[in-house]
Amino acid sequence: MAAIFNLAWIFLKIGLIFFGGGYVLIPLLHRIMVEQFHWLTLKEFLDGLALSQLTPGPLAMLATFTGFRAGGFVGGLVATVFIFLPCTALMLFLSSRYEKLRNMELIKTALDGILPAVVGLVTAAAYSLGKTSLLSPRDFFLLGGGFLILQFTKLSPMVVILGSGAIGYFFHFS
């Protein structure tokens, strides 16, 4: 039972700082899930991260996966509920006050300051993932191809992910 309370507490704290779609949290999630609590291996973390991209709320689904690995069905349920609890409570609070808050200068300037930091955190997450998963020239080819396709076409990211998975399977990329 203590493990379930631990899961709830950790995912509540993660949910409190879940900002910008969650990609900024990848280094934190890696540290907590892989290094600190050993709920996932590095390969499981990367696989879970890749698979979660096929679902709505990608990093929240990674929380469900991790909770399930750490505490079974109840752990998955607890991790999912507690990662969403802070943002749901915040949205309920803010939605009733939106008209009043949206024109406040303090809110505007705070968000203007947060945006560059979020870009930096996403870059740090990309670096962290890249140094553990880009191991061969073929990996860099897939990285470049995926970037170019997503940047210059309207092809769905899901198609790029599935296509890269198929290429990896057929050519036995490591």
N, C-alpha and C. Protein backbone atom coordinates (compact mmCIF):
# COMPACT_ATOMS: atom_id res chain seq x y z
N MET A 1 0.82 -1.20 0.00
CA MET A 1 0.00 0.00 0.00
C MET A 1 0.87 1.27 0.00
N ALA A 2 2.01 1.19 0.68
CA ALA A 2 2.91 2.34 0.72
C ALA A 2 3.41 2.67 -0.68
N ALA A 3 3.62 1.64 -1.51
CA ALA A 3 4.08 1.87 -2.88
C ALA A 3 3.04 2.65 -3.68
N ILE A 4 1.77 2.36 -3.46
CA ILE A 4 0.70 3.08 -4.18
C ILE A 4 0.65 4.53 -3.72
N PHE A 5 0.80 4.78 -2.43
CA PHE A 5 0.84 6.17 -1.94
C PHE A 5 2.05 6.90 -2.50
N ASN A 6 3.17 6.21 -2.61
CA ASN A 6 4.38 6.79 -3.19
C ASN A 6 4.14 7.16 -4.65
N LEU A 7 3.51 6.26 -5.41
CA LEU A 7 3.16 6.55 -6.81
C LEU A 7 2.26 7.78 -6.88
N ALA A 8 1.23 7.81 -6.03
CA ALA A 8 0.30 8.94 -6.04
C ALA A 8 1.04 10.25 -5.76
N TRP A 9 1.89 10.27 -4.77
CA TRP A 9 2.61 11.48 -4.39
C TRP A 9 3.54 11.94 -5.52
N ILE A 10 4.28 11.01 -6.10
CA ILE A 10 5.23 11.37 -7.17
C ILE A 10 4.48 11.90 -8.39
N PHE A 11 3.41 11.23 -8.80
CA PHE A 11 2.70 11.69 -9.99
C PHE A 11 1.88 12.94 -9.73
N LEU A 12 1.48 13.18 -8.50
CA LEU A 12 0.85 14.45 -8.15
C LEU A 12 1.87 15.59 -8.32
N LYS A 13 3.10 15.38 -7.82
CA LYS A 13 4.15 16.40 -7.97
C LYS A 13 4.48 16.62 -9.44
N ILE A 14 4.57 15.55 -10.23
CA ILE A 14 4.84 15.70 -11.67
C ILE A 14 3.70 16.47 -12.32
N GLY A 15 2.46 16.13 -11.96
CA GLY A 15 1.30 16.82 -12.52
C GLY A 15 1.28 18.30 -12.21
N LEU A 16 1.86 18.69 -11.08
CA LEU A 16 1.90 20.11 -10.71
C LEU A 16 2.80 20.92 -11.64
N ILE A 17 3.79 20.27 -12.25
CA ILE A 17 4.70 21.02 -13.13
C ILE A 17 4.55 20.61 -14.59
N PHE A 18 3.50 19.87 -14.90
CA PHE A 18 3.21 19.43 -16.27
C PHE A 18 2.84 20.65 -17.08
N PHE A 19 3.71 21.14 -17.94
CA PHE A 19 3.48 22.38 -18.67
C PHE A 19 4.00 22.22 -20.08
N GLY A 20 3.29 22.77 -21.04
CA GLY A 20 3.77 22.76 -22.42
C GLY A 20 3.64 21.40 -23.08
N GLY A 21 2.65 20.61 -22.73
CA GLY A 21 2.45 19.32 -23.36
C GLY A 21 3.28 18.22 -22.74
N GLY A 22 4.13 18.55 -21.82
CA GLY A 22 4.84 17.51 -21.09
C GLY A 22 6.23 17.19 -21.59
N TYR A 23 6.59 17.61 -22.80
CA TYR A 23 7.90 17.25 -23.33
C TYR A 23 9.04 17.82 -22.48
N VAL A 24 8.77 18.92 -21.80
CA VAL A 24 9.79 19.51 -20.94
C VAL A 24 10.10 18.60 -19.75
N LEU A 25 9.21 17.66 -19.47
CA LEU A 25 9.39 16.79 -18.31
C LEU A 25 10.18 15.53 -18.62
N ILE A 26 10.55 15.29 -19.86
CA ILE A 26 11.21 14.04 -20.22
C ILE A 26 12.46 13.80 -19.37
N PRO A 27 13.35 14.77 -19.20
CA PRO A 27 14.52 14.50 -18.34
C PRO A 27 14.13 14.18 -16.90
N LEU A 28 13.13 14.88 -16.37
CA LEU A 28 12.67 14.62 -15.00
C LEU A 28 12.05 13.23 -14.90
N LEU A 29 11.19 12.89 -15.86
CA LEU A 29 10.56 11.57 -15.85
C LEU A 29 11.60 10.47 -15.96
N HIS A 30 12.61 10.68 -16.79
CA HIS A 30 13.69 9.70 -16.93
C HIS A 30 14.40 9.51 -15.60
N ARG A 31 14.73 10.62 -14.96
CA ARG A 31 15.45 10.55 -13.68
C ARG A 31 14.62 9.80 -12.63
N ILE A 32 13.32 10.13 -12.55
CA ILE A 32 12.46 9.51 -11.54
C ILE A 32 12.18 8.05 -11.87
N MET A 33 11.73 7.79 -13.09
CA MET A 33 11.25 6.45 -13.46
C MET A 33 12.36 5.43 -13.66
N VAL A 34 13.49 5.89 -14.21
CA VAL A 34 14.57 4.96 -14.55
C VAL A 34 15.66 4.97 -13.49
N GLU A 35 16.16 6.14 -13.16
CA GLU A 35 17.33 6.22 -12.30
C GLU A 35 17.00 6.14 -10.81
N GLN A 36 15.98 6.87 -10.37
CA GLN A 36 15.70 6.95 -8.94
C GLN A 36 14.93 5.73 -8.43
N PHE A 37 13.79 5.41 -9.03
CA PHE A 37 12.93 4.34 -8.51
C PHE A 37 13.07 3.02 -9.27
N HIS A 38 13.74 3.04 -10.41
CA HIS A 38 13.95 1.82 -11.22
C HIS A 38 12.64 1.14 -11.58
N TRP A 39 11.60 1.94 -11.82
CA TRP A 39 10.32 1.39 -12.24
C TRP A 39 10.42 0.87 -13.67
N LEU A 40 11.27 1.51 -14.48
CA LEU A 40 11.47 1.12 -15.87
C LEU A 40 12.96 1.04 -16.16
N THR A 41 13.31 0.18 -17.12
CA THR A 41 14.67 0.21 -17.64
C THR A 41 14.74 1.34 -18.66
N LEU A 42 15.94 1.71 -19.09
CA LEU A 42 16.07 2.76 -20.09
C LEU A 42 15.34 2.36 -21.37
N LYS A 43 15.48 1.10 -21.77
CA LYS A 43 14.81 0.64 -22.99
C LYS A 43 13.30 0.70 -22.83
N GLU A 44 12.77 0.30 -21.69
CA GLU A 44 11.33 0.37 -21.46
C GLU A 44 10.86 1.83 -21.48
N PHE A 45 11.65 2.72 -20.88
CA PHE A 45 11.30 4.14 -20.88
C PHE A 45 11.23 4.67 -22.31
N LEU A 46 12.25 4.39 -23.11
CA LEU A 46 12.27 4.88 -24.49
C LEU A 46 11.15 4.24 -25.31
N ASP A 47 10.91 2.94 -25.11
CA ASP A 47 9.81 2.27 -25.81
C ASP A 47 8.47 2.85 -25.38
N GLY A 48 8.29 3.06 -24.09
CA GLY A 48 7.05 3.66 -23.59
C GLY A 48 6.85 5.06 -24.12
N LEU A 49 7.93 5.83 -24.20
CA LEU A 49 7.86 7.18 -24.74
C LEU A 49 7.47 7.14 -26.22
N ALA A 50 8.07 6.24 -26.98
CA ALA A 50 7.74 6.12 -28.41
C ALA A 50 6.30 5.68 -28.60
N LEU A 51 5.87 4.67 -27.86
CA LEU A 51 4.49 4.18 -28.00
C LEU A 51 3.48 5.21 -27.53
N SER A 52 3.83 5.98 -26.51
CA SER A 52 2.89 6.96 -26.00
C SER A 52 2.61 8.07 -27.00
N GLN A 53 3.49 8.24 -27.98
CA GLN A 53 3.28 9.26 -29.00
C GLN A 53 2.10 8.93 -29.91
N LEU A 54 1.64 7.69 -29.87
CA LEU A 54 0.52 7.26 -30.70
C LEU A 54 -0.83 7.50 -30.01
N THR A 55 -0.80 8.03 -28.80
CA THR A 55 -2.02 8.20 -28.03
C THR A 55 -2.24 9.67 -27.69
N PRO A 56 -3.48 10.04 -27.39
CA PRO A 56 -3.71 11.40 -26.88
C PRO A 56 -3.05 11.56 -25.51
N GLY A 57 -2.52 12.71 -25.23
CA GLY A 57 -1.87 12.95 -23.94
C GLY A 57 -0.67 12.06 -23.74
N PRO A 58 0.31 12.14 -24.66
CA PRO A 58 1.38 11.15 -24.71
C PRO A 58 2.12 10.89 -23.40
N LEU A 59 2.58 11.91 -22.71
CA LEU A 59 3.37 11.63 -21.52
C LEU A 59 2.50 11.18 -20.36
N ALA A 60 1.23 11.53 -20.38
CA ALA A 60 0.33 11.00 -19.36
C ALA A 60 0.17 9.50 -19.55
N MET A 61 0.19 9.04 -20.78
CA MET A 61 0.09 7.60 -21.03
C MET A 61 1.37 6.89 -20.57
N LEU A 62 2.49 7.59 -20.66
CA LEU A 62 3.73 7.04 -20.11
C LEU A 62 3.59 6.88 -18.60
N ALA A 63 2.90 7.81 -17.96
CA ALA A 63 2.65 7.69 -16.52
C ALA A 63 1.80 6.46 -16.23
N THR A 64 0.79 6.21 -17.04
CA THR A 64 -0.06 5.03 -16.86
C THR A 64 0.77 3.76 -17.00
N PHE A 65 1.60 3.72 -18.03
CA PHE A 65 2.47 2.56 -18.28
C PHE A 65 3.40 2.33 -17.08
N THR A 66 4.02 3.42 -16.61
CA THR A 66 4.95 3.31 -15.48
C THR A 66 4.21 2.87 -14.22
N GLY A 67 3.06 3.47 -13.96
CA GLY A 67 2.27 3.09 -12.80
C GLY A 67 1.88 1.62 -12.84
N PHE A 68 1.53 1.13 -14.03
CA PHE A 68 1.17 -0.28 -14.18
C PHE A 68 2.38 -1.17 -13.89
N ARG A 69 3.54 -0.79 -14.41
CA ARG A 69 4.77 -1.58 -14.18
C ARG A 69 5.14 -1.58 -12.70
N ALA A 70 4.90 -0.44 -12.03
CA ALA A 70 5.30 -0.33 -10.63
C ALA A 70 4.27 -0.90 -9.67
N GLY A 71 2.99 -0.87 -10.04
CA GLY A 71 1.96 -1.28 -9.08
C GLY A 71 0.77 -1.98 -9.68
N GLY A 72 0.93 -2.58 -10.87
CA GLY A 72 -0.18 -3.30 -11.48
C GLY A 72 -1.30 -2.37 -11.92
N PHE A 73 -2.50 -2.92 -12.03
CA PHE A 73 -3.65 -2.15 -12.50
C PHE A 73 -3.91 -0.95 -11.60
N VAL A 74 -3.88 -1.16 -10.29
CA VAL A 74 -4.13 -0.07 -9.34
C VAL A 74 -3.06 1.02 -9.49
N GLY A 75 -1.79 0.61 -9.67
CA GLY A 75 -0.71 1.58 -9.86
C GLY A 75 -0.92 2.41 -11.12
N GLY A 76 -1.34 1.77 -12.21
CA GLY A 76 -1.61 2.49 -13.45
C GLY A 76 -2.74 3.49 -13.28
N LEU A 77 -3.79 3.07 -12.59
CA LEU A 77 -4.92 3.94 -12.34
C LEU A 77 -4.52 5.12 -11.46
N VAL A 78 -3.79 4.85 -10.40
CA VAL A 78 -3.36 5.91 -9.48
C VAL A 78 -2.44 6.91 -10.20
N ALA A 79 -1.46 6.41 -10.94
CA ALA A 79 -0.54 7.31 -11.66
C ALA A 79 -1.31 8.19 -12.63
N THR A 80 -2.27 7.63 -13.35
CA THR A 80 -3.05 8.39 -14.32
C THR A 80 -3.89 9.45 -13.64
N VAL A 81 -4.60 9.08 -12.60
CA VAL A 81 -5.46 10.04 -11.89
C VAL A 81 -4.63 11.17 -11.29
N PHE A 82 -3.52 10.83 -10.66
CA PHE A 82 -2.75 11.85 -9.94
C PHE A 82 -1.92 12.73 -10.86
N ILE A 83 -1.58 12.26 -12.06
CA ILE A 83 -0.86 13.17 -12.96
C ILE A 83 -1.83 14.19 -13.57
N PHE A 84 -3.12 13.81 -13.69
CA PHE A 84 -4.12 14.73 -14.23
C PHE A 84 -4.78 15.60 -13.17
N LEU A 85 -4.72 15.22 -11.92
CA LEU A 85 -5.43 15.93 -10.86
C LEU A 85 -5.06 17.41 -10.77
N PRO A 86 -3.77 17.78 -10.73
CA PRO A 86 -3.45 19.21 -10.61
C PRO A 86 -3.93 20.04 -11.80
N CYS A 87 -3.71 19.54 -13.02
CA CYS A 87 -4.11 20.35 -14.19
C CYS A 87 -5.63 20.45 -14.28
N THR A 88 -6.35 19.40 -13.89
CA THR A 88 -7.81 19.44 -13.91
C THR A 88 -8.31 20.46 -12.89
N ALA A 89 -7.76 20.42 -11.70
CA ALA A 89 -8.16 21.39 -10.66
C ALA A 89 -7.82 22.81 -11.10
N LEU A 90 -6.65 23.00 -11.70
CA LEU A 90 -6.25 24.33 -12.17
C LEU A 90 -7.19 24.83 -13.26
N MET A 91 -7.53 23.96 -14.21
CA MET A 91 -8.43 24.37 -15.29
C MET A 91 -9.82 24.70 -14.76
N LEU A 92 -10.31 23.94 -13.80
CA LEU A 92 -11.61 24.26 -13.20
C LEU A 92 -11.57 25.62 -12.51
N PHE A 93 -10.47 25.89 -11.83
CA PHE A 93 -10.30 27.18 -11.15
C PHE A 93 -10.19 28.32 -12.16
N LEU A 94 -9.34 28.15 -13.17
CA LEU A 94 -9.09 29.22 -14.13
C LEU A 94 -10.25 29.47 -15.08
N SER A 95 -10.95 28.41 -15.47
CA SER A 95 -12.01 28.59 -16.47
C SER A 95 -13.11 29.52 -15.96
N SER A 96 -13.38 29.49 -14.68
CA SER A 96 -14.41 30.38 -14.15
C SER A 96 -13.90 31.82 -14.01
N ARG A 97 -12.61 32.01 -14.10
CA ARG A 97 -12.02 33.34 -13.94
C ARG A 97 -11.27 33.81 -15.19
N TYR A 98 -11.48 33.12 -16.30
CA TYR A 98 -10.70 33.38 -17.51
C TYR A 98 -10.80 34.83 -17.98
N GLU A 99 -12.01 35.34 -18.09
CA GLU A 99 -12.19 36.69 -18.61
C GLU A 99 -11.45 37.72 -17.76
N LYS A 100 -11.42 37.52 -16.46
CA LYS A 100 -10.75 38.45 -15.57
C LYS A 100 -9.21 38.32 -15.70
N LEU A 101 -8.73 37.08 -15.83
CA LEU A 101 -7.28 36.83 -15.82
C LEU A 101 -6.60 37.11 -17.16
N ARG A 102 -7.30 36.91 -18.26
CA ARG A 102 -6.63 36.97 -19.57
C ARG A 102 -6.04 38.33 -19.91
N ASN A 103 -6.56 39.38 -19.33
CA ASN A 103 -6.05 40.72 -19.62
C ASN A 103 -5.10 41.26 -18.57
N MET A 104 -4.78 40.46 -17.57
CA MET A 104 -3.87 40.92 -16.52
C MET A 104 -2.44 40.95 -17.06
N GLU A 105 -1.77 42.05 -16.88
CA GLU A 105 -0.40 42.21 -17.38
C GLU A 105 0.55 41.21 -16.73
N LEU A 106 0.36 40.93 -15.46
CA LEU A 106 1.20 39.98 -14.75
C LEU A 106 1.14 38.60 -15.41
N ILE A 107 -0.04 38.16 -15.76
CA ILE A 107 -0.21 36.85 -16.41
C ILE A 107 0.47 36.85 -17.78
N LYS A 108 0.25 37.90 -18.55
CA LYS A 108 0.86 37.98 -19.89
C LYS A 108 2.39 37.94 -19.81
N THR A 109 2.96 38.74 -18.92
CA THR A 109 4.43 38.79 -18.84
C THR A 109 5.00 37.51 -18.26
N ALA A 110 4.30 36.88 -17.34
CA ALA A 110 4.77 35.60 -16.80
C ALA A 110 4.81 34.54 -17.90
N LEU A 111 3.76 34.47 -18.71
CA LEU A 111 3.74 33.50 -19.80
C LEU A 111 4.80 33.82 -20.85
N ASP A 112 5.07 35.11 -21.10
CA ASP A 112 6.14 35.49 -22.02
C ASP A 112 7.50 35.03 -21.50
N GLY A 113 7.67 34.99 -20.20
CA GLY A 113 8.92 34.53 -19.62
C GLY A 113 9.03 33.01 -19.60
N ILE A 114 7.89 32.35 -19.45
CA ILE A 114 7.90 30.88 -19.40
C ILE A 114 8.20 30.28 -20.77
N LEU A 115 7.70 30.87 -21.84
CA LEU A 115 7.83 30.29 -23.17
C LEU A 115 9.28 29.99 -23.58
N PRO A 116 10.22 30.93 -23.45
CA PRO A 116 11.61 30.60 -23.81
C PRO A 116 12.20 29.48 -22.94
N ALA A 117 11.81 29.46 -21.67
CA ALA A 117 12.30 28.39 -20.79
C ALA A 117 11.76 27.04 -21.23
N VAL A 118 10.52 26.99 -21.67
CA VAL A 118 9.93 25.75 -22.16
C VAL A 118 10.68 25.27 -23.41
N VAL A 119 11.02 26.17 -24.30
CA VAL A 119 11.80 25.80 -25.49
C VAL A 119 13.14 25.22 -25.07
N GLY A 120 13.78 25.83 -24.09
CA GLY A 120 15.05 25.31 -23.58
C GLY A 120 14.90 23.93 -22.96
N LEU A 121 13.83 23.72 -22.21
CA LEU A 121 13.60 22.41 -21.59
C LEU A 121 13.30 21.34 -22.63
N VAL A 122 12.56 21.69 -23.67
CA VAL A 122 12.30 20.73 -24.75
C VAL A 122 13.61 20.38 -25.46
N THR A 123 14.46 21.37 -25.67
CA THR A 123 15.77 21.12 -26.28
C THR A 123 16.61 20.20 -25.40
N ALA A 124 16.59 20.44 -24.10
CA ALA A 124 17.33 19.57 -23.17
C ALA A 124 16.79 18.15 -23.21
N ALA A 125 15.47 18.02 -23.30
CA ALA A 125 14.86 16.68 -23.40
C ALA A 125 15.29 15.99 -24.68
N ALA A 126 15.31 16.73 -25.79
CA ALA A 126 15.74 16.14 -27.07
C ALA A 126 17.19 15.70 -26.98
N TYR A 127 18.02 16.50 -26.35
CA TYR A 127 19.43 16.12 -26.19
C TYR A 127 19.57 14.86 -25.34
N SER A 128 18.83 14.84 -24.23
CA SER A 128 18.88 13.69 -23.33
C SER A 128 18.45 12.41 -24.03
N LEU A 129 17.36 12.48 -24.79
CA LEU A 129 16.91 11.30 -25.53
C LEU A 129 17.88 10.94 -26.64
N GLY A 130 18.39 11.95 -27.33
CA GLY A 130 19.30 11.71 -28.45
C GLY A 130 20.58 11.02 -28.05
N LYS A 131 21.14 11.41 -26.93
CA LYS A 131 22.43 10.81 -26.54
C LYS A 131 22.29 9.35 -26.12
N THR A 132 21.07 8.92 -25.77
CA THR A 132 20.87 7.52 -25.40
C THR A 132 20.29 6.68 -26.52
N SER A 133 19.77 7.32 -27.57
CA SER A 133 19.11 6.52 -28.61
C SER A 133 19.69 6.71 -30.01
N LEU A 134 20.51 7.71 -30.23
CA LEU A 134 21.12 7.91 -31.55
C LEU A 134 22.52 7.31 -31.52
N LEU A 135 22.60 6.06 -31.97
CA LEU A 135 23.85 5.32 -31.81
C LEU A 135 24.58 5.03 -33.11
N SER A 136 23.89 5.15 -34.24
CA SER A 136 24.53 4.81 -35.51
C SER A 136 24.16 5.85 -36.56
N PRO A 137 24.88 5.86 -37.67
CA PRO A 137 24.52 6.79 -38.76
C PRO A 137 23.09 6.59 -39.25
N ARG A 138 22.60 5.34 -39.20
CA ARG A 138 21.22 5.08 -39.63
C ARG A 138 20.23 5.79 -38.72
N ASP A 139 20.53 5.85 -37.43
CA ASP A 139 19.66 6.55 -36.50
C ASP A 139 19.57 8.04 -36.86
N PHE A 140 20.71 8.62 -37.23
CA PHE A 140 20.73 10.03 -37.60
C PHE A 140 19.98 10.25 -38.92
N PHE A 141 20.05 9.26 -39.82
CA PHE A 141 19.30 9.33 -41.07
C PHE A 141 17.79 9.38 -40.77
N LEU A 142 17.33 8.50 -39.87
CA LEU A 142 15.91 8.50 -39.50
C LEU A 142 15.53 9.80 -38.78
N LEU A 143 16.41 10.29 -37.93
CA LEU A 143 16.16 11.55 -37.25
C LEU A 143 15.98 12.67 -38.28
N GLY A 144 16.93 12.79 -39.18
CA GLY A 144 16.87 13.84 -40.20
C GLY A 144 15.65 13.70 -41.10
N GLY A 145 15.38 12.46 -41.51
CA GLY A 145 14.22 12.23 -42.37
C GLY A 145 12.92 12.58 -41.67
N GLY A 146 12.79 12.15 -40.42
CA GLY A 146 11.59 12.48 -39.66
C GLY A 146 11.43 13.98 -39.47
N PHE A 147 12.53 14.66 -39.16
CA PHE A 147 12.47 16.11 -38.99
C PHE A 147 12.02 16.79 -40.27
N LEU A 148 12.63 16.43 -41.40
CA LEU A 148 12.29 17.06 -42.68
C LEU A 148 10.84 16.79 -43.07
N ILE A 149 10.39 15.57 -42.87
CA ILE A 149 9.00 15.24 -43.22
C ILE A 149 8.03 16.04 -42.36
N LEU A 150 8.28 16.11 -41.07
CA LEU A 150 7.37 16.84 -40.19
C LEU A 150 7.44 18.35 -40.40
N GLN A 151 8.62 18.84 -40.76
CA GLN A 151 8.79 20.28 -40.93
C GLN A 151 8.20 20.78 -42.25
N PHE A 152 8.32 19.98 -43.32
CA PHE A 152 8.00 20.49 -44.65
C PHE A 152 6.81 19.80 -45.32
N THR A 153 6.12 18.92 -44.62
CA THR A 153 4.91 18.30 -45.17
C THR A 153 3.81 18.37 -44.13
N LYS A 154 2.64 17.96 -44.51
CA LYS A 154 1.52 17.93 -43.57
C LYS A 154 1.24 16.50 -43.11
N LEU A 155 2.21 15.63 -43.29
CA LEU A 155 2.06 14.24 -42.90
C LEU A 155 1.94 14.14 -41.38
N SER A 156 1.07 13.28 -40.92
CA SER A 156 0.83 13.11 -39.49
C SER A 156 2.07 12.54 -38.79
N PRO A 157 2.37 13.04 -37.58
CA PRO A 157 3.48 12.45 -36.82
C PRO A 157 3.31 10.95 -36.60
N MET A 158 2.06 10.50 -36.47
CA MET A 158 1.82 9.08 -36.26
C MET A 158 2.31 8.27 -37.47
N VAL A 159 2.14 8.79 -38.67
CA VAL A 159 2.62 8.10 -39.87
C VAL A 159 4.14 8.04 -39.86
N VAL A 160 4.78 9.13 -39.45
CA VAL A 160 6.24 9.16 -39.38
C VAL A 160 6.74 8.15 -38.35
N ILE A 161 6.11 8.10 -37.19
CA ILE A 161 6.52 7.15 -36.15
C ILE A 161 6.34 5.72 -36.62
N LEU A 162 5.16 5.41 -37.18
CA LEU A 162 4.90 4.05 -37.66
C LEU A 162 5.83 3.70 -38.82
N GLY A 163 6.07 4.66 -39.71
CA GLY A 163 6.99 4.42 -40.83
C GLY A 163 8.41 4.16 -40.35
N SER A 164 8.85 4.92 -39.37
CA SER A 164 10.20 4.70 -38.82
C SER A 164 10.29 3.35 -38.14
N GLY A 165 9.21 2.97 -37.44
CA GLY A 165 9.18 1.64 -36.82
C GLY A 165 9.26 0.54 -37.86
N ALA A 166 8.55 0.71 -38.97
CA ALA A 166 8.59 -0.28 -40.05
C ALA A 166 9.98 -0.36 -40.67
N ILE A 167 10.60 0.79 -40.90
CA ILE A 167 11.96 0.80 -41.45
C ILE A 167 12.92 0.10 -40.49
N GLY A 168 12.79 0.42 -39.19
CA GLY A 168 13.64 -0.24 -38.20
C GLY A 168 13.43 -1.74 -38.18
N TYR A 169 12.20 -2.16 -38.32
CA TYR A 169 11.90 -3.59 -38.32
C TYR A 169 12.48 -4.28 -39.57
N PHE A 170 12.22 -3.70 -40.70
CA PHE A 170 12.65 -4.34 -41.96
C PHE A 170 14.15 -4.31 -42.16
N PHE A 171 14.81 -3.30 -41.63
CA PHE A 171 16.26 -3.22 -41.82
C PHE A 171 17.04 -3.55 -40.54
N HIS A 172 16.33 -4.01 -39.53
CA HIS A 172 16.93 -4.46 -38.27
C HIS A 172 17.85 -3.40 -37.67
N PHE A 173 17.35 -2.16 -37.62
CA PHE A 173 18.12 -1.09 -36.99
C PHE A 173 18.17 -1.39 -35.51
N SER A 174 19.28 -1.00 -34.89
CA SER A 174 19.38 -1.19 -33.45
C SER A 174 19.15 0.09 -32.73
